[in-house]
PDB file of N, CA and C in Angstrom:
ATOM      1  N   MET A   1      16.579   3.089  -9.819  1.00  0.00           N
ATOM      2  CA  MET A   1      15.513   3.563 -10.178  1.00  0.00           C
ATOM      3  C   MET A   1      16.076   5.406 -11.016  1.00  0.00           C
ATOM      4  N   PRO A   2      15.841   5.346 -12.407  1.00  0.00           N
ATOM      5  CA  PRO A   2      15.943   6.919 -13.046  1.00  0.00           C
ATOM      6  C   PRO A   2      15.857   7.867 -11.975  1.00  0.00           C
ATOM      7  N   ALA A   3      16.752   8.845 -12.404  1.00  0.00           N
ATOM      8  CA  ALA A   3      16.693   9.978 -11.539  1.00  0.00           C
ATOM      9  C   ALA A   3      15.557  10.810 -11.742  1.00  0.00           C
ATOM     10  N   ASP A   4      14.962  10.681 -12.926  1.00  0.00           N
ATOM     11  CA  ASP A   4      13.850  11.775 -13.951  1.00  0.00           C
ATOM     12  C   ASP A   4      12.324  11.006 -13.296  1.00  0.00           C
ATOM     13  N   HIS A   5      12.692   9.796 -12.223  1.00  0.00           N
ATOM     14  CA  HIS A   5      11.228   9.096 -11.840  1.00  0.00           C
ATOM     15  C   HIS A   5      10.592  10.057 -10.659  1.00  0.00           C
ATOM     16  N   PRO A   6       9.468  10.453 -10.547  1.00  0.00           N
ATOM     17  CA  PRO A   6       9.214  11.399  -9.652  1.00  0.00           C
ATOM     18  C   PRO A   6       8.910  10.462  -8.216  1.00  0.00           C
ATOM     19  N   PRO A   7       9.103  10.786  -7.048  1.00  0.00           N
ATOM     20  CA  PRO A   7       8.596  10.124  -5.769  1.00  0.00           C
ATOM     21  C   PRO A   7       7.234   9.186  -5.820  1.00  0.00           C
ATOM     22  N   ASP A   8       7.047   8.238  -5.308  1.00  0.00           N
ATOM     23  CA  ASP A   8       5.799   7.983  -5.205  1.00  0.00           C
ATOM     24  C   ASP A   8       5.188   7.970  -4.505  1.00  0.00           C
ATOM     25  N   ASP A   9       3.719   8.488  -4.993  1.00  0.00           N
ATOM     26  CA  ASP A   9       2.619   9.628  -3.924  1.00  0.00           C
ATOM     27  C   ASP A   9       2.689   8.513  -2.373  1.00  0.00           C
ATOM     28  N   PRO A  10       2.506   8.926  -1.322  1.00  0.00           N
ATOM     29  CA  PRO A  10       2.402   8.632  -0.144  1.00  0.00           C
ATOM     30  C   PRO A  10       0.835   7.551  -0.206  1.00  0.00           C
ATOM     31  N   VAL A  11       0.138   8.425  -0.501  1.00  0.00           N
ATOM     32  CA  VAL A  11      -1.323   7.193  -0.402  1.00  0.00           C
ATOM     33  C   VAL A  11      -1.433   6.424  -1.399  1.00  0.00           C
ATOM     34  N   PHE A  12      -0.553   6.272  -2.308  1.00  0.00           N
ATOM     35  CA  PHE A  12      -0.393   4.964  -3.085  1.00  0.00           C
ATOM     36  C   PHE A  12       0.659   4.199  -2.525  1.00  0.00           C
ATOM     37  N   LEU A  13       1.473   4.347  -1.793  1.00  0.00           N
ATOM     38  CA  LEU A  13       2.484   4.151  -0.431  1.00  0.00           C
ATOM     39  C   LEU A  13       1.545   3.017   0.336  1.00  0.00           C
ATOM     40  N   HIS A  14       0.748   3.766   0.781  1.00  0.00           N
ATOM     41  CA  HIS A  14      -0.213   3.650   2.100  1.00  0.00           C
ATOM     42  C   HIS A  14      -1.078   2.538   1.837  1.00  0.00           C
ATOM     43  N   SER A  15      -1.757   2.200   0.646  1.00  0.00           N
ATOM     44  CA  SER A  15      -2.646   1.691   0.202  1.00  0.00           C
ATOM     45  C   SER A  15      -2.014   0.293  -0.603  1.00  0.00           C
ATOM     46  N   ARG A  16      -0.632   0.448  -0.764  1.00  0.00           N
ATOM     47  CA  ARG A  16      -0.093  -0.569  -1.603  1.00  0.00           C
ATOM     48  C   ARG A  16       0.222  -1.549  -0.376  1.00  0.00           C
ATOM     49  N   ARG A  17       0.638  -0.790   1.063  1.00  0.00           N
ATOM     50  CA  ARG A  17       1.154  -1.493   2.502  1.00  0.00           C
ATOM     51  C   ARG A  17      -0.082  -2.058   3.007  1.00  0.00           C
ATOM     52  N   GLU A  18      -1.332  -1.293   3.062  1.00  0.00           N
ATOM     53  CA  GLU A  18      -2.506  -2.046   3.487  1.00  0.00           C
ATOM     54  C   GLU A  18      -3.019  -2.990   2.769  1.00  0.00           C
ATOM     55  N   ALA A  19      -2.835  -3.206   1.454  1.00  0.00           N
ATOM     56  CA  ALA A  19      -3.370  -4.445   0.614  1.00  0.00           C
ATOM     57  C   ALA A  19      -2.275  -5.439   1.115  1.00  0.00           C
ATOM     58  N   GLY A  20      -1.073  -5.424   0.878  1.00  0.00           N
ATOM     59  CA  GLY A  20      -0.820  -5.950   1.361  1.00  0.00           C
ATOM     60  C   GLY A  20      -0.803  -7.108   2.483  1.00  0.00           C
ATOM     61  N   VAL A  21      -0.875  -6.490   3.610  1.00  0.00           N
ATOM     62  CA  VAL A  21      -1.604  -6.845   4.779  1.00  0.00           C
ATOM     63  C   VAL A  21      -2.873  -7.753   4.956  1.00  0.00           C
ATOM     64  N   ILE A  22      -3.824  -7.234   4.017  1.00  0.00           N
ATOM     65  CA  ILE A  22      -5.174  -7.745   3.756  1.00  0.00           C
ATOM     66  C   ILE A  22      -4.656  -9.009   3.067  1.00  0.00           C
ATOM     67  N   LEU A  23      -3.850  -9.248   2.063  1.00  0.00           N
ATOM     68  CA  LEU A  23      -3.573 -10.247   1.112  1.00  0.00           C
ATOM     69  C   LEU A  23      -3.199 -11.317   2.191  1.00  0.00           C
ATOM     70  N   ALA A  24      -1.985 -11.028   3.238  1.00  0.00           N
ATOM     71  CA  ALA A  24      -1.346 -11.902   3.873  1.00  0.00           C
ATOM     72  C   ALA A  24      -2.484 -12.747   4.796  1.00  0.00           C
ATOM     73  N   VAL A  25      -3.490 -11.820   5.549  1.00  0.00           N
ATOM     74  CA  VAL A  25      -4.286 -12.516   6.659  1.00  0.00           C
ATOM     75  C   VAL A  25      -5.297 -13.353   5.513  1.00  0.00           C
ATOM     76  N   TRP A  26      -6.046 -13.069   4.181  1.00  0.00           N
ATOM     77  CA  TRP A  26      -6.689 -13.621   3.236  1.00  0.00           C
ATOM     78  C   TRP A  26      -5.861 -15.118   3.293  1.00  0.00           C
ATOM     79  N   ALA A  27      -4.612 -15.317   3.171  1.00  0.00           N
ATOM     80  CA  ALA A  27      -3.527 -16.195   2.881  1.00  0.00           C
ATOM     81  C   ALA A  27      -3.212 -17.101   3.797  1.00  0.00           C
ATOM     82  N   LEU A  28      -3.138 -16.266   4.969  1.00  0.00           N
ATOM     83  CA  LEU A  28      -2.869 -16.979   6.035  1.00  0.00           C
ATOM     84  C   LEU A  28      -4.350 -17.870   6.229  1.00  0.00           C
ATOM     85  N   SER A  29      -5.722 -17.574   6.119  1.00  0.00           N
ATOM     86  CA  SER A  29      -7.109 -18.132   6.616  1.00  0.00           C
ATOM     87  C   SER A  29      -6.989 -18.918   5.396  1.00  0.00           C
ATOM     88  N   PHE A  30      -6.803 -18.954   4.728  1.00  0.00           N
ATOM     89  CA  PHE A  30      -7.030 -19.822   3.355  1.00  0.00           C
ATOM     90  C   PHE A  30      -6.295 -21.246   3.887  1.00  0.00           C
ATOM     91  N   ALA A  31      -4.782 -20.735   3.834  1.00  0.00           N
ATOM     92  CA  ALA A  31      -3.858 -21.871   4.310  1.00  0.00           C
ATOM     93  C   ALA A  31      -4.108 -22.616   5.289  1.00  0.00           C
ATOM     94  N   TRP A  32      -5.060 -22.108   6.360  1.00  0.00           N
ATOM     95  CA  TRP A  32      -5.922 -22.784   7.388  1.00  0.00           C
ATOM     96  C   TRP A  32      -6.825 -23.719   7.079  1.00  0.00           C
ATOM     97  N   THR A  33      -7.681 -22.446   6.324  1.00  0.00           N
ATOM     98  CA  THR A  33      -9.087 -23.222   6.258  1.00  0.00           C
ATOM     99  C   THR A  33      -9.299 -24.697   5.369  1.00  0.00           C
ATOM    100  N   VAL A  34      -8.552 -24.605   4.151  1.00  0.00           N
ATOM    101  CA  VAL A  34      -9.061 -25.574   3.267  1.00  0.00           C
ATOM    102  C   VAL A  34      -8.164 -26.780   3.473  1.00  0.00           C
ATOM    103  N   PRO A  35      -7.233 -26.712   3.962  1.00  0.00           N
ATOM    104  CA  PRO A  35      -6.596 -27.994   4.265  1.00  0.00           C
ATOM    105  C   PRO A  35      -7.451 -28.973   5.506  1.00  0.00           C
ATOM    106  N   TYR A  36      -7.075 -27.895   7.178  1.00  0.00           N
ATOM    107  CA  TYR A  36      -8.106 -28.293   7.885  1.00  0.00           C
ATOM    108  C   TYR A  36      -9.330 -28.896   7.208  1.00  0.00           C
ATOM    109  N   CYS A  37     -10.207 -28.439   6.669  1.00  0.00           N
ATOM    110  CA  CYS A  37     -11.603 -28.836   6.252  1.00  0.00           C
ATOM    111  C   CYS A  37     -11.323 -30.114   5.889  1.00  0.00           C
ATOM    112  N   TYR A  38     -10.460 -30.402   4.640  1.00  0.00           N
ATOM    113  CA  TYR A  38     -10.453 -31.304   3.847  1.00  0.00           C
ATOM    114  C   TYR A  38      -9.567 -32.345   4.763  1.00  0.00           C
ATOM    115  N   LEU A  39      -8.754 -32.405   5.854  1.00  0.00           N
ATOM    116  CA  LEU A  39      -8.500 -33.313   6.447  1.00  0.00           C
ATOM    117  C   LEU A  39      -9.238 -34.369   7.345  1.00  0.00           C
ATOM    118  N   TYR A  40     -10.000 -32.941   8.163  1.00  0.00           N
ATOM    119  CA  TYR A  40     -11.153 -33.322   9.161  1.00  0.00           C
ATOM    120  C   TYR A  40     -12.684 -33.435   9.021  1.00  0.00           C
ATOM    121  N   GLY A  41     -12.915 -32.985   7.475  1.00  0.00           N
ATOM    122  CA  GLY A  41     -14.277 -33.270   7.288  1.00  0.00           C
ATOM    123  C   GLY A  41     -14.687 -33.776   6.084  1.00  0.00           C
ATOM    124  N   TYR A  42     -13.769 -34.503   5.529  1.00  0.00           N
ATOM    125  CA  TYR A  42     -14.236 -34.995   4.292  1.00  0.00           C
ATOM    126  C   TYR A  42     -14.613 -36.211   4.494  1.00  0.00           C
ATOM    127  N   GLU A  43     -14.160 -37.048   5.483  1.00  0.00           N
ATOM    128  CA  GLU A  43     -14.669 -38.497   5.718  1.00  0.00           C
ATOM    129  C   GLU A  43     -15.430 -38.431   7.016  1.00  0.00           C
ATOM    130  N   PRO A  44     -16.664 -38.160   7.110  1.00  0.00           N
ATOM    131  CA  PRO A  44     -17.621 -38.597   8.309  1.00  0.00           C
ATOM    132  C   PRO A  44     -16.970 -39.841   9.106  1.00  0.00           C
ATOM    133  N   PRO A  45     -17.535 -40.045  10.371  1.00  0.00           N
ATOM    134  CA  PRO A  45     -17.329 -41.461  10.961  1.00  0.00           C
ATOM    135  C   PRO A  45     -18.959 -42.085  10.397  1.00  0.00           C
ATOM    136  N   ALA A  46     -18.127 -43.394  10.825  1.00  0.00           N
ATOM    137  CA  ALA A  46     -19.108 -44.529  10.410  1.00  0.00           C
ATOM    138  C   ALA A  46     -20.486 -44.474  11.037  1.00  0.00           C
ATOM    139  N   ASP A  47     -20.603 -43.957  12.663  1.00  0.00           N
ATOM    140  CA  ASP A  47     -21.768 -43.753  13.421  1.00  0.00           C
ATOM    141  C   ASP A  47     -21.944 -42.159  13.815  1.00  0.00           C
ATOM    142  N   PRO A  48     -23.042 -41.708  13.167  1.00  0.00           N
ATOM    143  CA  PRO A  48     -23.537 -39.883  13.297  1.00  0.00           C
ATOM    144  C   PRO A  48     -23.046 -39.603  14.837  1.00  0.00           C
ATOM    145  N   ALA A  49     -23.056 -40.758  15.824  1.00  0.00           N
ATOM    146  CA  ALA A  49     -23.123 -40.280  17.311  1.00  0.00           C
ATOM    147  C   ALA A  49     -21.936 -39.983  17.473  1.00  0.00           C
ATOM    148  N   GLU A  50     -20.750 -40.560  16.773  1.00  0.00           N
ATOM    149  CA  GLU A  50     -19.216 -40.594  17.341  1.00  0.00           C
ATOM    150  C   GLU A  50     -18.648 -38.854  16.454  1.00  0.00           C
ATOM    151  N   LEU A  51     -19.707 -38.198  15.862  1.00  0.00           N
ATOM    152  CA  LEU A  51     -19.185 -37.244  15.589  1.00  0.00           C
ATOM    153  C   LEU A  51     -19.070 -36.140  16.451  1.00  0.00           C
ATOM    154  N   PRO A  52     -17.633 -35.452  16.545  1.00  0.00           N
ATOM    155  CA  PRO A  52     -17.516 -34.620  17.213  1.00  0.00           C
ATOM    156  C   PRO A  52     -18.154 -33.337  17.262  1.00  0.00           C
ATOM    157  N   ILE A  53     -18.766 -32.918  18.760  1.00  0.00           N
ATOM    158  CA  ILE A  53     -19.266 -31.254  17.967  1.00  0.00           C
ATOM    159  C   ILE A  53     -18.924 -30.056  19.143  1.00  0.00           C
ATOM    160  N   VAL A  54     -18.624 -29.329  18.380  1.00  0.00           N
ATOM    161  CA  VAL A  54     -18.541 -27.642  19.427  1.00  0.00           C
ATOM    162  C   VAL A  54     -19.384 -27.160  19.303  1.00  0.00           C
ATOM    163  N   LEU A  55     -20.019 -26.406  20.407  1.00  0.00           N
ATOM    164  CA  LEU A  55     -20.740 -24.793  20.241  1.00  0.00           C
ATOM    165  C   LEU A  55     -22.026 -25.760  19.326  1.00  0.00           C
ATOM    166  N   GLY A  56     -22.454 -26.712  19.111  1.00  0.00           N
ATOM    167  CA  GLY A  56     -23.627 -27.370  18.579  1.00  0.00           C
ATOM    168  C   GLY A  56     -23.684 -27.704  16.925  1.00  0.00           C
ATOM    169  N   MET A  57     -22.213 -27.254  16.554  1.00  0.00           N
ATOM    170  CA  MET A  57     -21.664 -28.100  15.300  1.00  0.00           C
ATOM    171  C   MET A  57     -20.330 -28.825  15.081  1.00  0.00           C
ATOM    172  N   PRO A  58     -20.486 -29.348  13.816  1.00  0.00           N
ATOM    173  CA  PRO A  58     -19.041 -30.451  14.014  1.00  0.00           C
ATOM    174  C   PRO A  58     -17.675 -29.857  14.156  1.00  0.00           C
ATOM    175  N   ALA A  59     -17.024 -30.624  14.865  1.00  0.00           N
ATOM    176  CA  ALA A  59     -16.138 -29.681  15.595  1.00  0.00           C
ATOM    177  C   ALA A  59     -15.126 -29.443  14.444  1.00  0.00           C
ATOM    178  N   TRP A  60     -15.420 -30.285  13.018  1.00  0.00           N
ATOM    179  CA  TRP A  60     -14.345 -29.722  11.643  1.00  0.00           C
ATOM    180  C   TRP A  60     -14.878 -28.276  11.569  1.00  0.00           C
ATOM    181  N   VAL A  61     -16.130 -28.283  11.678  1.00  0.00           N
ATOM    182  CA  VAL A  61     -16.563 -27.023  10.987  1.00  0.00           C
ATOM    183  C   VAL A  61     -16.267 -25.738  11.809  1.00  0.00           C
ATOM    184  N   PHE A  62     -16.317 -26.042  13.084  1.00  0.00           N
ATOM    185  CA  PHE A  62     -16.104 -24.829  14.016  1.00  0.00           C
ATOM    186  C   PHE A  62     -14.669 -24.738  13.833  1.00  0.00           C
ATOM    187  N   TRP A  63     -13.580 -25.419  13.923  1.00  0.00           N
ATOM    188  CA  TRP A  63     -12.309 -24.924  14.019  1.00  0.00           C
ATOM    189  C   TRP A  63     -11.752 -24.882  12.371  1.00  0.00           C
ATOM    190  N   GLY A  64     -12.528 -25.305  11.788  1.00  0.00           N
ATOM    191  CA  GLY A  64     -11.777 -25.198  10.184  1.00  0.00           C
ATOM    192  C   GLY A  64     -13.067 -24.089   9.291  1.00  0.00           C
ATOM    193  N   VAL A  65     -13.926 -23.331  10.116  1.00  0.00           N
ATOM    194  CA  VAL A  65     -14.704 -22.622   9.200  1.00  0.00           C
ATOM    195  C   VAL A  65     -14.814 -21.458  10.329  1.00  0.00           C
ATOM    196  N   ALA A  66     -15.604 -21.740  11.052  1.00  0.00           N
ATOM    197  CA  ALA A  66     -16.583 -20.774  12.189  1.00  0.00           C
ATOM    198  C   ALA A  66     -15.349 -19.641  13.163  1.00  0.00           C
ATOM    199  N   LEU A  67     -14.330 -20.680  13.448  1.00  0.00           N
ATOM    200  CA  LEU A  67     -13.275 -19.786  14.256  1.00  0.00           C
ATOM    201  C   LEU A  67     -12.484 -18.924  13.570  1.00  0.00           C
ATOM    202  N   PRO A  68     -11.784 -19.442  12.561  1.00  0.00           N
ATOM    203  CA  PRO A  68     -10.950 -18.195  11.468  1.00  0.00           C
ATOM    204  C   PRO A  68     -11.899 -17.295  10.854  1.00  0.00           C
ATOM    205  N   TRP A  69     -13.106 -17.609  10.935  1.00  0.00           N
ATOM    206  CA  TRP A  69     -14.158 -16.497  10.129  1.00  0.00           C
ATOM    207  C   TRP A  69     -14.229 -15.297  11.294  1.00  0.00           C
ATOM    208  N   VAL A  70     -14.370 -15.574  12.650  1.00  0.00           N
ATOM    209  CA  VAL A  70     -14.230 -14.634  13.776  1.00  0.00           C
ATOM    210  C   VAL A  70     -12.997 -14.218  13.712  1.00  0.00           C
ATOM    211  N   VAL A  71     -12.441 -14.718  13.901  1.00  0.00           N
ATOM    212  CA  VAL A  71     -10.675 -14.448  13.954  1.00  0.00           C
ATOM    213  C   VAL A  71     -10.424 -13.882  12.649  1.00  0.00           C
ATOM    214  N   CYS A  72     -10.623 -13.582  11.375  1.00  0.00           N
ATOM    215  CA  CYS A  72     -10.628 -12.941  10.191  1.00  0.00           C
ATOM    216  C   CYS A  72     -11.461 -11.549  10.642  1.00  0.00           C
ATOM    217  N   GLY A  73     -12.546 -11.527  11.798  1.00  0.00           N
ATOM    218  CA  GLY A  73     -13.284 -10.808  11.585  1.00  0.00           C
ATOM    219  C   GLY A  73     -12.622  -9.508  12.360  1.00  0.00           C
ATOM    220  N   LEU A  74     -12.376 -10.035  13.441  1.00  0.00           N
ATOM    221  CA  LEU A  74     -11.492  -9.212  14.657  1.00  0.00           C
ATOM    222  C   LEU A  74     -10.384  -8.849  14.174  1.00  0.00           C
ATOM    223  N   ILE A  75      -9.698  -9.361  13.076  1.00  0.00           N
ATOM    224  CA  ILE A  75      -8.088  -8.813  13.074  1.00  0.00           C
ATOM    225  C   ILE A  75      -8.801  -7.193  11.887  1.00  0.00           C
ATOM    226  N   SER A  76      -9.864  -7.799  11.208  1.00  0.00           N
ATOM    227  CA  SER A  76     -10.614  -6.839  10.107  1.00  0.00           C
ATOM    228  C   SER A  76     -10.895  -5.415  10.995  1.00  0.00           C
ATOM    229  N   ILE A  77     -11.352  -6.026  11.998  1.00  0.00           N
ATOM    230  CA  ILE A  77     -11.656  -4.712  12.924  1.00  0.00           C
ATOM    231  C   ILE A  77     -10.651  -3.627  13.478  1.00  0.00           C
ATOM    232  N   GLY A  78      -9.258  -4.521  13.639  1.00  0.00           N
ATOM    233  CA  GLY A  78      -8.540  -3.849  14.343  1.00  0.00           C
ATOM    234  C   GLY A  78      -7.493  -3.356  13.054  1.00  0.00           C
ATOM    235  N   LEU A  79      -7.638  -3.851  11.963  1.00  0.00           N
ATOM    236  CA  LEU A  79      -7.079  -2.731  10.843  1.00  0.00           C
ATOM    237  C   LEU A  79      -7.613  -2.258  10.428  1.00  0.00           C
ATOM    238  N   CYS A  80      -9.156  -1.649  10.801  1.00  0.00           N
ATOM    239  CA  CYS A  80      -9.679  -0.415  10.346  1.00  0.00           C
ATOM    240  C   CYS A  80      -9.538   0.507  11.248  1.00  0.00           C
ATOM    241  N   VAL A  81      -9.624  -0.004  12.762  1.00  0.00           N
ATOM    242  CA  VAL A  81      -9.203   0.829  13.945  1.00  0.00           C
ATOM    243  C   VAL A  81      -7.847   1.408  13.426  1.00  0.00           C
ATOM    244  N   TRP A  82      -6.564   0.870  13.588  1.00  0.00           N
ATOM    245  CA  TRP A  82      -5.302   1.109  14.430  1.00  0.00           C
ATOM    246  C   TRP A  82      -4.068   1.214  13.334  1.00  0.00           C
ATOM    247  N   PHE A  83      -4.782   0.423  12.071  1.00  0.00           N
ATOM    248  CA  PHE A  83      -3.331   0.262  10.875  1.00  0.00           C
ATOM    249  C   PHE A  83      -3.585   1.463   9.577  1.00  0.00           C
ATOM    250  N   ILE A  84      -5.330   0.939   9.124  1.00  0.00           N
ATOM    251  CA  ILE A  84      -5.423   1.671   7.952  1.00  0.00           C
ATOM    252  C   ILE A  84      -5.880   3.265   8.298  1.00  0.00           C
ATOM    253  N   GLN A  85      -4.636   3.710   7.099  1.00  0.00           N
ATOM    254  CA  GLN A  85      -4.745   5.477   7.464  1.00  0.00           C
ATOM    255  C   GLN A  85      -5.471   5.934   6.196  1.00  0.00           C
ATOM    256  N   ASP A  86      -6.405   7.389   7.021  1.00  0.00           N
ATOM    257  CA  ASP A  86      -6.640   7.859   6.443  1.00  0.00           C
ATOM    258  C   ASP A  86      -6.550   9.322   5.434  1.00  0.00           C
ATOM    259  N   ASP A  87      -6.550   9.264   4.172  1.00  0.00           N
ATOM    260  CA  ASP A  87      -5.568   9.793   3.619  1.00  0.00           C
ATOM    261  C   ASP A  87      -6.165  10.767   2.477  1.00  0.00           C
ATOM    262  N   ASP A  88      -5.701  12.164   3.004  1.00  0.00           N
ATOM    263  CA  ASP A  88      -6.269  13.627   2.089  1.00  0.00           C
ATOM    264  C   ASP A  88      -6.038  13.193   0.926  1.00  0.00           C
ATOM    265  N   LEU A  89      -7.051  13.128  -0.356  1.00  0.00           N
ATOM    266  CA  LEU A  89      -6.730  12.901  -1.353  1.00  0.00           C
ATOM    267  C   LEU A  89      -6.690  14.153  -2.223  1.00  0.00           C
ATOM    268  N   ALA A  90      -7.067  14.965  -1.942  1.00  0.00           N
ATOM    269  CA  ALA A  90      -6.841  16.505  -2.962  1.00  0.00           C
ATOM    270  C   ALA A  90      -6.890  17.168  -1.916  1.00  0.00           C
ATOM    271  N   GLU A  91      -5.247  17.712  -1.827  1.00  0.00           N
ATOM    272  CA  GLU A  91      -5.150  18.862  -0.670  1.00  0.00           C
ATOM    273  C   GLU A  91      -5.655  20.305  -0.608  1.00  0.00           C
ATOM    274  N   THR A  92      -5.612  20.653  -1.754  1.00  0.00           N
ATOM    275  CA  THR A  92      -5.988  22.206  -2.432  1.00  0.00           C
ATOM    276  C   THR A  92      -6.787  22.358  -3.252  1.00  0.00           C
ATOM    277  N   GLU A  93      -7.581  23.137  -3.450  1.00  0.00           N
ATOM    278  CA  GLU A  93      -8.766  23.309  -4.272  1.00  0.00           C
ATOM    279  C   GLU A  93      -8.321  23.274  -5.874  1.00  0.00           C
ATOM    280  N   ALA A  94      -7.287  23.627  -5.993  1.00  0.00           N
ATOM    281  CA  ALA A  94      -6.416  23.312  -7.454  1.00  0.00           C
ATOM    282  C   ALA A  94      -6.608  21.621  -7.854  1.00  0.00           C
ATOM    283  N   ASP A  95      -6.063  21.191  -6.680  1.00  0.00           N
ATOM    284  CA  ASP A  95      -6.026  19.763  -6.666  1.00  0.00           C
ATOM    285  C   ASP A  95      -7.467  19.110  -6.941  1.00  0.00           C
ATOM    286  N   ALA A  96      -8.384  19.479  -6.376  1.00  0.00           N
ATOM    287  CA  ALA A  96      -9.566  18.680  -6.182  1.00  0.00           C
ATOM    288  C   ALA A  96     -10.154  18.628  -7.887  1.00  0.00           C
ATOM    289  N   PRO A  97     -10.915  17.338  -8.131  1.00  0.00           N
ATOM    290  CA  PRO A  97     -11.576  17.523  -9.416  1.00  0.00           C
ATOM    291  C   PRO A  97     -12.630  18.942  -9.163  1.00  0.00           C
ATOM    292  N   PRO A  98     -13.080  19.140 -10.739  1.00  0.00           N
ATOM    293  CA  PRO A  98     -14.216  19.698 -10.515  1.00  0.00           C
ATOM    294  C   PRO A  98     -15.312  19.789 -10.277  1.00  0.00           C
ATOM    295  N   HIS A  99     -16.271  18.547  -9.868  1.00  0.00           N
ATOM    296  CA  HIS A  99     -17.248  18.082  -9.596  1.00  0.00           C
ATOM    297  C   HIS A  99     -17.296  17.841  -7.951  1.00  0.00           C
ATOM    298  N   VAL A 100     -16.154  18.225  -7.124  1.00  0.00           N
ATOM    299  CA  VAL A 100     -16.191  18.334  -5.591  1.00  0.00           C
ATOM    300  C   VAL A 100     -16.256  19.522  -5.131  1.00  0.00           C
ATOM    301  N   SER A 101     -16.869  19.790  -4.255  1.00  0.00           N
ATOM    302  CA  SER A 101     -17.099  20.879  -3.809  1.00  0.00           C
ATOM    303  C   SER A 101     -16.310  20.808  -2.530  1.00  0.00           C
ATOM    304  N   ARG A 102     -15.534  21.704  -1.620  1.00  0.00           N
ATOM    305  CA  ARG A 102     -15.054  21.486  -0.637  1.00  0.00           C
ATOM    306  C   ARG A 102     -15.518  22.683   0.251  1.00  0.00           C
ATOM    307  N   GLU A 103     -16.988  22.793   0.567  1.00  0.00           N
ATOM    308  CA  GLU A 103     -17.407  23.729   1.450  1.00  0.00           C
ATOM    309  C   GLU A 103     -17.703  22.900   2.837  1.00  0.00           C
TER     310      GLU A 103
END
């Protein structure tokens, strides 16, 4: 890194870290949902009575769509409550844009 390069803004560093975690959660969800639904939901059984049911829906929908959806929702709530930081974007009156009132 060149000596004349200013240090990165902490707000930028926090947002980049948070975006990385969110993208990782999305990638894990994608890596589970698409293959699972392809493997277990593509060819239904010959007799519809043999279709496994979990909580009133086909098992492949529950395990491949509903459960990851609920888990990702809980992870999102946890990230919002404990991980994502609330950064002050304008620390002084001089840093604030002219249309922002700090009253």
